[in-house]
Amino acid sequence: MNERNEVIGSATRRETVSSRALGRGAFGVVLKRAPVDARARDDGSASTSASNTFTAFVTRRSARKDVWPNALDAVTSGVCQRDDASYETTMRRELEEELGVGADDVVSLTRMFTFPYEDRYMRVWGACFEIILRDDAEVAYVDGEVQTGAFERLDDLAVNLRDGREGDKFTPIGKYVLRSYLAYKSTGTTPPSEWDNRHVEE
């Protein structure tokens, strides 16, 4: 990709990672509706917060991942391949490969925004998706890219991302995407959309 998010060539994943070549990726916030009793506040009162209506799937990445092994991740994601017709194609493939989630398990898959991002491992044009699963959808770690995972209330997850978690570390890109998603849902604000204004994680 170039800095205008235009395709200019292709490379293997190994080559892309080693050279930090600018590429495309799909990043999904995977949600289920929270059980009614999980929507109560600690003081027992009912919550009307939109972020409390859903739980988000948090995974622990495989130890064999070349980037952020064993880290917690707030999104399910993958690199766009040469033959992918769209970001959505990539997102649906990653759901099936990493979580064993097929089309019948998905209530809705909505592209929220596109964003540029850079950290010490990657430079990417990403697309953020909101993915709502059926209440009875089951997750299976098909390709070994994920060790384990669990659904967490969005309010609790936001606090964990803000304050950190005992000895555990979330991927920087996962934190950025989820924070941007929550901001978009609450205020309609989208992250920067020009490469020159990209978020750079130090």
C-alpha atoms as a PDB file:
ATOM      1  CA  MET A   1       0.000   0.000   0.000  1.00  0.00           C
ATOM      2  CA  ASN A   2       1.020   3.596  -0.382  1.00  0.00           C
ATOM      3  CA  GLU A   3       0.147   6.439   1.970  1.00  0.00           C
ATOM      4  CA  ARG A   4      -3.141   6.976   0.114  1.00  0.00           C
ATOM      5  CA  ASN A   5      -4.221   3.375   0.856  1.00  0.00           C
ATOM      6  CA  GLU A   6      -3.734   2.314  -2.769  1.00  0.00           C
ATOM      7  CA  VAL A   7      -2.410  -1.128  -3.695  1.00  0.00           C
ATOM      8  CA  ILE A   8       1.089  -0.950  -5.188  1.00  0.00           C
ATOM      9  CA  GLY A   9       2.257  -4.573  -4.876  1.00  0.00           C
ATOM     10  CA  SER A  10       2.266  -7.718  -2.747  1.00  0.00           C
ATOM     11  CA  ALA A  11       4.647  -9.555  -0.418  1.00  0.00           C
ATOM     12  CA  THR A  12       4.638 -12.512   1.951  1.00  0.00           C
ATOM     13  CA  ARG A  13       3.677 -11.968   5.576  1.00  0.00           C
ATOM     14  CA  ARG A  14       7.272 -12.685   6.654  1.00  0.00           C
ATOM     15  CA  GLU A  15       8.574 -10.050   4.255  1.00  0.00           C
ATOM     16  CA  THR A  16       5.915  -7.565   5.330  1.00  0.00           C
ATOM     17  CA  VAL A  17       6.684  -7.977   9.039  1.00  0.00           C
ATOM     18  CA  SER A  18      10.465  -7.927   8.653  1.00  0.00           C
ATOM     19  CA  SER A  19      10.441  -4.763   6.534  1.00  0.00           C
ATOM     20  CA  ARG A  20       7.446  -3.089   8.247  1.00  0.00           C
ATOM     21  CA  ALA A  21       5.924  -2.671   4.791  1.00  0.00           C
ATOM     22  CA  LEU A  22       2.721  -0.650   4.748  1.00  0.00           C
ATOM     23  CA  GLY A  23      -0.216  -3.031   4.332  1.00  0.00           C
ATOM     24  CA  ARG A  24      -3.906  -3.489   5.053  1.00  0.00           C
ATOM     25  CA  GLY A  25      -5.587  -5.295   7.922  1.00  0.00           C
ATOM     26  CA  ALA A  26      -9.076  -6.012   9.258  1.00  0.00           C
ATOM     27  CA  PHE A  27      -9.774  -5.590  12.984  1.00  0.00           C
ATOM     28  CA  GLY A  28     -12.994  -6.843  14.547  1.00  0.00           C
ATOM     29  CA  VAL A  29     -14.566  -6.016  17.906  1.00  0.00           C
ATOM     30  CA  VAL A  30     -16.409  -9.299  18.512  1.00  0.00           C
ATOM     31  CA  LEU A  31     -19.519  -8.901  20.659  1.00  0.00           C
ATOM     32  CA  LYS A  32     -22.328 -10.863  22.265  1.00  0.00           C
ATOM     33  CA  ARG A  33     -25.266  -9.477  24.171  1.00  0.00           C
ATOM     34  CA  ALA A  34     -24.566  -9.502  27.896  1.00  0.00           C
ATOM     35  CA  PRO A  35     -26.733 -11.734  30.083  1.00  0.00           C
ATOM     36  CA  VAL A  36     -29.265  -9.651  32.006  1.00  0.00           C
ATOM     37  CA  ASP A  37     -27.609 -10.285  35.370  1.00  0.00           C
ATOM     38  CA  ALA A  38     -24.238  -9.203  33.934  1.00  0.00           C
ATOM     39  CA  ARG A  39     -25.654  -5.750  33.133  1.00  0.00           C
ATOM     40  CA  ALA A  40     -26.163  -4.828  36.758  1.00  0.00           C
ATOM     41  CA  ARG A  41     -23.793  -2.394  38.398  1.00  0.00           C
ATOM     42  CA  ASP A  42     -21.788  -3.427  41.445  1.00  0.00           C
ATOM     43  CA  ASP A  43     -24.320  -1.664  43.668  1.00  0.00           C
ATOM     44  CA  GLY A  44     -27.115  -3.776  42.186  1.00  0.00           C
ATOM     45  CA  SER A  45     -28.759  -1.008  40.144  1.00  0.00           C
ATOM     46  CA  ALA A  46     -29.546  -1.486  36.467  1.00  0.00           C
ATOM     47  CA  SER A  47     -27.214   0.030  33.889  1.00  0.00           C
ATOM     48  CA  THR A  48     -28.430   1.797  30.763  1.00  0.00           C
ATOM     49  CA  SER A  49     -24.935   2.216  29.296  1.00  0.00           C
ATOM     50  CA  ALA A  50     -24.666   0.988  25.715  1.00  0.00           C
ATOM     51  CA  SER A  51     -21.239  -0.470  26.524  1.00  0.00           C
ATOM     52  CA  ASN A  52     -22.851  -2.520  29.288  1.00  0.00           C
ATOM     53  CA  THR A  53     -25.354  -4.094  26.881  1.00  0.00           C
ATOM     54  CA  PHE A  54     -22.631  -6.140  25.193  1.00  0.00           C
ATOM     55  CA  THR A  55     -19.666  -8.265  26.151  1.00  0.00           C
ATOM     56  CA  ALA A  56     -16.522  -8.205  24.001  1.00  0.00           C
ATOM     57  CA  PHE A  57     -14.330 -11.185  23.202  1.00  0.00           C
ATOM     58  CA  VAL A  58     -10.775 -10.915  24.544  1.00  0.00           C
ATOM     59  CA  THR A  59      -8.203 -13.441  23.362  1.00  0.00           C
ATOM     60  CA  ARG A  60      -4.738 -14.500  24.386  1.00  0.00           C
ATOM     61  CA  ARG A  61      -2.489 -14.774  21.376  1.00  0.00           C
ATOM     62  CA  SER A  62      -0.476 -17.893  20.652  1.00  0.00           C
ATOM     63  CA  ALA A  63       3.083 -18.139  21.933  1.00  0.00           C
ATOM     64  CA  ARG A  64       4.198 -18.772  18.345  1.00  0.00           C
ATOM     65  CA  LYS A  65       2.912 -15.445  16.991  1.00  0.00           C
ATOM     66  CA  ASP A  66       5.710 -13.384  15.456  1.00  0.00           C
ATOM     67  CA  VAL A  67       4.226 -10.162  16.844  1.00  0.00           C
ATOM     68  CA  TRP A  68       3.105  -9.782  20.480  1.00  0.00           C
ATOM     69  CA  PRO A  69       3.185 -13.504  21.415  1.00  0.00           C
ATOM     70  CA  ASN A  70       1.135 -14.409  24.536  1.00  0.00           C
ATOM     71  CA  ALA A  71      -0.371 -10.913  24.688  1.00  0.00           C
ATOM     72  CA  LEU A  72      -4.028 -10.218  25.364  1.00  0.00           C
ATOM     73  CA  ASP A  73      -5.956  -8.839  22.408  1.00  0.00           C
ATOM     74  CA  ALA A  74      -9.172  -6.831  22.407  1.00  0.00           C
ATOM     75  CA  VAL A  75      -9.798  -7.445  18.697  1.00  0.00           C
ATOM     76  CA  THR A  76      -9.745 -10.335  16.240  1.00  0.00           C
ATOM     77  CA  SER A  77      -7.638  -9.333  13.282  1.00  0.00           C
ATOM     78  CA  GLY A  78      -5.759 -10.383  10.193  1.00  0.00           C
ATOM     79  CA  VAL A  79      -3.686  -9.129   7.290  1.00  0.00           C
ATOM     80  CA  CYS A  80      -5.444  -8.579   3.962  1.00  0.00           C
ATOM     81  CA  GLN A  81      -4.183 -11.075   1.418  1.00  0.00           C
ATOM     82  CA  ARG A  82      -3.551 -10.392  -2.250  1.00  0.00           C
ATOM     83  CA  ASP A  83      -6.700 -12.215  -3.404  1.00  0.00           C
ATOM     84  CA  ASP A  84      -9.046 -10.687  -0.790  1.00  0.00           C
ATOM     85  CA  ALA A  85     -11.788  -8.746  -2.556  1.00  0.00           C
ATOM     86  CA  SER A  86     -12.307  -6.392   0.371  1.00  0.00           C
ATOM     87  CA  TYR A  87     -11.623  -5.736   4.036  1.00  0.00           C
ATOM     88  CA  GLU A  88     -14.850  -7.640   4.766  1.00  0.00           C
ATOM     89  CA  THR A  89     -13.491 -10.719   2.995  1.00  0.00           C
ATOM     90  CA  THR A  90     -10.456 -10.625   5.269  1.00  0.00           C
ATOM     91  CA  MET A  91     -12.574 -10.148   8.382  1.00  0.00           C
ATOM     92  CA  ARG A  92     -14.859 -13.072   7.637  1.00  0.00           C
ATOM     93  CA  ARG A  93     -11.895 -15.338   6.904  1.00  0.00           C
ATOM     94  CA  GLU A  94     -10.185 -14.420  10.165  1.00  0.00           C
ATOM     95  CA  LEU A  95     -13.346 -15.075  12.181  1.00  0.00           C
ATOM     96  CA  GLU A  96     -13.563 -18.551  10.709  1.00  0.00           C
ATOM     97  CA  GLU A  97      -9.864 -19.383  10.917  1.00  0.00           C
ATOM     98  CA  GLU A  98      -9.131 -18.008  14.390  1.00  0.00           C
ATOM     99  CA  LEU A  99     -12.450 -18.450  16.198  1.00  0.00           C
ATOM    100  CA  GLY A 100     -14.313 -21.061  14.175  1.00  0.00           C
ATOM    101  CA  VAL A 101     -17.115 -18.541  13.617  1.00  0.00           C
ATOM    102  CA  GLY A 102     -19.008 -18.929  10.348  1.00  0.00           C
ATOM    103  CA  ALA A 103     -21.618 -16.817   8.582  1.00  0.00           C
ATOM    104  CA  ASP A 104     -24.472 -18.560  10.428  1.00  0.00           C
ATOM    105  CA  ASP A 105     -22.992 -17.491  13.780  1.00  0.00           C
ATOM    106  CA  VAL A 106     -22.896 -13.790  12.868  1.00  0.00           C
ATOM    107  CA  VAL A 107     -25.919 -11.550  13.463  1.00  0.00           C
ATOM    108  CA  SER A 108     -24.236  -8.520  11.922  1.00  0.00           C
ATOM    109  CA  LEU A 109     -20.828  -7.490  10.606  1.00  0.00           C
ATOM    110  CA  THR A 110     -20.532  -3.729  10.153  1.00  0.00           C
ATOM    111  CA  ARG A 111     -17.538  -1.739   8.975  1.00  0.00           C
ATOM    112  CA  MET A 112     -17.192   1.261  11.274  1.00  0.00           C
ATOM    113  CA  PHE A 113     -14.195   3.259  10.002  1.00  0.00           C
ATOM    114  CA  THR A 114     -10.800   3.026   8.303  1.00  0.00           C
ATOM    115  CA  PHE A 115      -7.663   4.255  10.046  1.00  0.00           C
ATOM    116  CA  PRO A 116      -3.887   4.549   9.579  1.00  0.00           C
ATOM    117  CA  TYR A 117      -1.640   3.230  12.364  1.00  0.00           C
ATOM    118  CA  GLU A 118       2.044   2.646  13.099  1.00  0.00           C
ATOM    119  CA  ASP A 119       4.037   0.993  15.880  1.00  0.00           C
ATOM    120  CA  ARG A 120       7.440  -0.668  16.159  1.00  0.00           C
ATOM    121  CA  TYR A 121       6.189  -3.802  14.396  1.00  0.00           C
ATOM    122  CA  MET A 122       3.723  -2.600  11.801  1.00  0.00           C
ATOM    123  CA  ARG A 123       2.432   0.135   9.547  1.00  0.00           C
ATOM    124  CA  VAL A 124      -1.126  -0.486   8.461  1.00  0.00           C
ATOM    125  CA  TRP A 125      -4.278   0.845   6.892  1.00  0.00           C
ATOM    126  CA  GLY A 126      -6.846  -0.825   9.104  1.00  0.00           C
ATOM    127  CA  ALA A 127     -10.605  -1.223   8.943  1.00  0.00           C
ATOM    128  CA  CYS A 128     -12.532  -1.589  12.198  1.00  0.00           C
ATOM    129  CA  PHE A 129     -15.570  -3.874  12.230  1.00  0.00           C
ATOM    130  CA  GLU A 130     -18.318  -4.356  14.804  1.00  0.00           C
ATOM    131  CA  ILE A 131     -19.267  -8.031  14.830  1.00  0.00           C
ATOM    132  CA  ILE A 132     -22.290  -9.226  16.807  1.00  0.00           C
ATOM    133  CA  LEU A 133     -22.545 -12.972  17.303  1.00  0.00           C
ATOM    134  CA  ARG A 134     -25.604 -15.055  18.020  1.00  0.00           C
ATOM    135  CA  ASP A 135     -26.135 -15.637  21.739  1.00  0.00           C
ATOM    136  CA  ASP A 136     -25.581 -19.373  21.201  1.00  0.00           C
ATOM    137  CA  ALA A 137     -22.547 -19.033  18.911  1.00  0.00           C
ATOM    138  CA  GLU A 138     -19.628 -21.148  20.059  1.00  0.00           C
ATOM    139  CA  VAL A 139     -15.961 -20.267  19.631  1.00  0.00           C
ATOM    140  CA  ALA A 140     -13.290 -22.793  18.634  1.00  0.00           C
ATOM    141  CA  TYR A 141      -9.595 -22.030  18.221  1.00  0.00           C
ATOM    142  CA  VAL A 142      -9.145 -23.590  14.811  1.00  0.00           C
ATOM    143  CA  ASP A 143      -5.741 -22.519  13.494  1.00  0.00           C
ATOM    144  CA  GLY A 144      -3.796 -22.234  16.767  1.00  0.00           C
ATOM    145  CA  GLU A 145      -3.314 -18.475  16.475  1.00  0.00           C
ATOM    146  CA  VAL A 146      -5.313 -18.021  19.705  1.00  0.00           C
ATOM    147  CA  GLN A 147      -4.648 -19.874  22.968  1.00  0.00           C
ATOM    148  CA  THR A 148      -7.857 -19.016  24.772  1.00  0.00           C
ATOM    149  CA  GLY A 149     -10.453 -16.285  25.152  1.00  0.00           C
ATOM    150  CA  ALA A 150     -13.448 -15.025  27.104  1.00  0.00           C
ATOM    151  CA  PHE A 151     -16.244 -12.504  26.787  1.00  0.00           C
ATOM    152  CA  GLU A 152     -15.880  -9.495  29.081  1.00  0.00           C
ATOM    153  CA  ARG A 153     -18.280  -6.653  29.792  1.00  0.00           C
ATOM    154  CA  LEU A 154     -17.266  -3.665  27.709  1.00  0.00           C
ATOM    155  CA  ASP A 155     -17.239  -1.322  30.704  1.00  0.00           C
ATOM    156  CA  ASP A 156     -14.829  -3.610  32.550  1.00  0.00           C
ATOM    157  CA  LEU A 157     -12.648  -4.007  29.480  1.00  0.00           C
ATOM    158  CA  ALA A 158     -12.396  -0.232  29.027  1.00  0.00           C
ATOM    159  CA  VAL A 159     -11.148   0.065  32.617  1.00  0.00           C
ATOM    160  CA  ASN A 160      -8.607  -2.732  32.069  1.00  0.00           C
ATOM    161  CA  LEU A 161      -7.261  -0.986  28.991  1.00  0.00           C
ATOM    162  CA  ARG A 162      -7.003   2.303  30.863  1.00  0.00           C
ATOM    163  CA  ASP A 163      -5.433   0.989  34.067  1.00  0.00           C
ATOM    164  CA  GLY A 164      -3.584  -2.101  32.885  1.00  0.00           C
ATOM    165  CA  ARG A 165      -3.980  -5.618  34.212  1.00  0.00           C
ATOM    166  CA  GLU A 166      -1.731  -7.441  36.681  1.00  0.00           C
ATOM    167  CA  GLY A 167       1.277  -8.470  34.672  1.00  0.00           C
ATOM    168  CA  ASP A 168      -0.700  -8.869  31.454  1.00  0.00           C
ATOM    169  CA  LYS A 169      -0.296  -6.749  28.377  1.00  0.00           C
ATOM    170  CA  PHE A 170      -2.747  -5.973  25.622  1.00  0.00           C
ATOM    171  CA  THR A 171      -1.513  -5.476  22.080  1.00  0.00           C
ATOM    172  CA  PRO A 172      -1.144  -1.749  21.332  1.00  0.00           C
ATOM    173  CA  ILE A 173      -3.127  -2.001  18.105  1.00  0.00           C
ATOM    174  CA  GLY A 174      -5.945  -3.821  19.910  1.00  0.00           C
ATOM    175  CA  LYS A 175      -6.112  -1.113  22.561  1.00  0.00           C
ATOM    176  CA  TYR A 176      -6.137   1.619  19.936  1.00  0.00           C
ATOM    177  CA  VAL A 177      -8.870  -0.006  17.853  1.00  0.00           C
ATOM    178  CA  LEU A 178     -11.135  -0.685  20.839  1.00  0.00           C
ATOM    179  CA  ARG A 179     -10.702   2.821  22.250  1.00  0.00           C
ATOM    180  CA  SER A 180     -11.448   4.290  18.827  1.00  0.00           C
ATOM    181  CA  TYR A 181     -14.498   2.025  18.492  1.00  0.00           C
ATOM    182  CA  LEU A 182     -15.862   3.071  21.897  1.00  0.00           C
ATOM    183  CA  ALA A 183     -15.316   6.747  21.065  1.00  0.00           C
ATOM    184  CA  TYR A 184     -17.117   6.296  17.759  1.00  0.00           C
ATOM    185  CA  LYS A 185     -20.063   4.554  19.404  1.00  0.00           C
ATOM    186  CA  SER A 186     -20.422   7.149  22.162  1.00  0.00           C
ATOM    187  CA  THR A 187     -19.685  10.406  20.316  1.00  0.00           C
ATOM    188  CA  GLY A 188     -19.517   9.595  16.582  1.00  0.00           C
ATOM    189  CA  THR A 189     -15.858  10.632  16.534  1.00  0.00           C
ATOM    190  CA  THR A 190     -13.629   8.714  14.139  1.00  0.00           C
ATOM    191  CA  PRO A 191      -9.840   8.412  14.361  1.00  0.00           C
ATOM    192  CA  PRO A 192      -7.603  10.306  11.913  1.00  0.00           C
ATOM    193  CA  SER A 193      -8.070   9.136   8.333  1.00  0.00           C
ATOM    194  CA  GLU A 194      -4.959  10.623   6.694  1.00  0.00           C
ATOM    195  CA  TRP A 195      -1.573   8.941   6.854  1.00  0.00           C
ATOM    196  CA  ASP A 196       0.185  12.134   7.923  1.00  0.00           C
ATOM    197  CA  ASN A 197      -2.125  12.302  10.954  1.00  0.00           C
ATOM    198  CA  ARG A 198      -1.853   8.613  11.859  1.00  0.00           C
ATOM    199  CA  HIS A 199      -1.598   7.347  15.400  1.00  0.00           C
ATOM    200  CA  VAL A 200       2.005   6.375  16.135  1.00  0.00           C
ATOM    201  CA  GLU A 201       2.473   4.108  19.161  1.00  0.00           C
ATOM    202  CA  GLU A 202       5.787   4.843  20.855  1.00  0.00           C
END
